[in-house]
């Protein structure tokens, strides 16, 4: 006798984009969520020394200049650290295609067809 699916599983199967986010196991889901949860604070932590290395410090700039610059630096830092953190946690096969898709979206590594 087949198991009755709960409502959330049924909704995921009906959603057209759900196939892009399928996880092979609950462990993989947990590792991906752990990667995201570690990566946000790590990107914040890494972006500060990057800005200081190029001479941008919080005290020497107006908040109207400093925070957009920090966000500008933090965005690619986050993407690169997502690959590093995901690889360390064994989820490179999950994050690498998404990373390459983002690079193609901004115009890098376009496929020549």
Protein backbone atom coordinates (compact mmCIF):
# COMPACT_ATOMS: atom_id res chain seq x y z
CA UNK A 1 0.00 0.00 0.00
CA UNK A 2 1.59 3.32 -1.05
CA UNK A 3 2.22 5.97 1.54
CA UNK A 4 -0.05 8.97 1.54
CA UNK A 5 1.86 12.10 0.58
CA UNK A 6 1.62 15.05 2.87
CA UNK A 7 0.32 18.34 1.52
CA UNK A 8 3.76 19.98 1.23
CA UNK A 9 5.14 17.13 -0.89
CA UNK A 10 2.13 17.32 -3.16
CA UNK A 11 2.57 21.05 -3.59
CA UNK A 12 6.25 20.64 -4.49
CA UNK A 13 5.44 18.08 -7.17
CA UNK A 14 2.88 20.42 -8.73
CA UNK A 15 5.15 23.45 -8.73
CA UNK A 16 6.80 23.88 -12.16
CA UNK A 17 10.19 24.98 -10.79
CA UNK A 18 10.41 22.32 -8.09
CA UNK A 19 12.51 20.01 -10.26
CA UNK A 20 15.38 22.52 -10.12
CA UNK A 21 15.46 22.36 -6.34
CA UNK A 22 15.12 18.66 -5.69
CA UNK A 23 17.44 17.21 -3.14
CA UNK A 24 18.65 13.64 -3.23
CA UNK A 25 18.23 13.24 0.53
CA UNK A 26 17.38 15.06 3.71
CA UNK A 27 21.09 15.14 4.48
CA UNK A 28 21.79 17.01 1.25
CA UNK A 29 19.02 19.47 2.07
CA UNK A 30 20.56 20.05 5.51
CA UNK A 31 24.03 20.55 4.03
CA UNK A 32 22.74 23.06 1.48
CA UNK A 33 20.86 24.99 4.19
CA UNK A 34 23.97 24.89 6.40
CA UNK A 35 26.01 26.26 3.50
CA UNK A 36 23.63 29.19 3.07
CA UNK A 37 23.50 29.87 6.80
CA UNK A 38 27.29 29.91 7.14
CA UNK A 39 27.92 31.82 3.95
CA UNK A 40 26.03 35.03 4.81
CA UNK A 41 28.00 35.91 7.94
CA UNK A 42 31.21 34.69 6.30
CA UNK A 43 30.71 37.06 3.35
CA UNK A 44 30.16 39.95 5.76
CA UNK A 45 33.27 39.00 7.68
CA UNK A 46 35.44 38.71 4.53
CA UNK A 47 34.17 41.87 2.81
CA UNK A 48 35.47 44.17 5.56
CA UNK A 49 39.18 43.27 5.14
CA UNK A 50 38.77 43.40 1.35
CA UNK A 51 37.54 46.99 1.60
CA UNK A 52 40.31 47.89 4.06
CA UNK A 53 42.89 46.44 1.68
CA UNK A 54 41.84 48.94 -0.99
CA UNK A 55 41.76 51.80 1.52
CA UNK A 56 38.03 52.05 2.18
CA UNK A 57 37.25 52.29 5.88
CA UNK A 58 33.96 52.93 7.59
CA UNK A 59 35.26 56.02 9.45
CA UNK A 60 36.77 57.71 6.40
CA UNK A 61 33.67 57.61 4.17
CA UNK A 62 30.12 58.81 4.43
CA UNK A 63 27.60 56.03 5.14
CA UNK A 64 25.97 56.93 1.79
CA UNK A 65 29.21 55.92 0.05
CA UNK A 66 30.54 53.20 2.35
CA UNK A 67 27.48 50.92 2.47
CA UNK A 68 26.82 50.77 -1.30
CA UNK A 69 30.54 50.02 -1.79
CA UNK A 70 30.40 47.29 0.83
CA UNK A 71 27.32 45.74 -0.78
CA UNK A 72 29.04 45.98 -4.17
CA UNK A 73 32.07 44.10 -2.79
CA UNK A 74 30.01 41.67 -0.74
CA UNK A 75 27.89 40.41 -3.68
CA UNK A 76 30.69 38.70 -5.65
CA UNK A 77 32.35 37.71 -2.38
CA UNK A 78 29.16 35.91 -1.38
CA UNK A 79 28.99 34.05 -4.69
CA UNK A 80 32.61 32.90 -4.54
CA UNK A 81 32.35 31.88 -0.90
CA UNK A 82 29.17 29.95 -1.68
CA UNK A 83 31.23 27.71 -3.98
CA UNK A 84 34.03 27.38 -1.42
CA UNK A 85 31.71 26.67 1.51
CA UNK A 86 29.55 24.34 -0.57
CA UNK A 87 32.61 22.41 -1.71
CA UNK A 88 33.89 22.06 1.84
CA UNK A 89 30.50 20.71 2.92
CA UNK A 90 30.38 18.33 -0.05
CA UNK A 91 27.74 20.16 -2.07
CA UNK A 92 29.76 21.39 -5.05
CA UNK A 93 27.50 19.49 -7.47
CA UNK A 94 24.54 21.49 -6.14
CA UNK A 95 26.12 24.97 -6.19
CA UNK A 96 28.43 24.85 -9.24
CA UNK A 97 25.70 24.80 -11.95
CA UNK A 98 23.92 27.70 -10.24
CA UNK A 99 27.18 29.64 -10.02
CA UNK A 100 27.92 29.12 -13.70
CA UNK A 101 24.35 30.14 -14.56
CA UNK A 102 24.88 33.44 -12.72
CA UNK A 103 28.17 34.02 -14.53
CA UNK A 104 26.49 33.42 -17.89
CA UNK A 105 23.66 35.75 -16.86
CA UNK A 106 26.09 38.64 -16.31
CA UNK A 107 27.86 37.89 -19.57
CA UNK A 108 30.81 35.75 -18.50
CA UNK A 109 31.35 32.23 -19.81
CA UNK A 110 28.63 32.37 -22.43
CA UNK A 111 28.29 29.20 -24.40
CA UNK A 112 29.22 29.50 -28.05
CA UNK A 113 26.62 27.63 -30.00
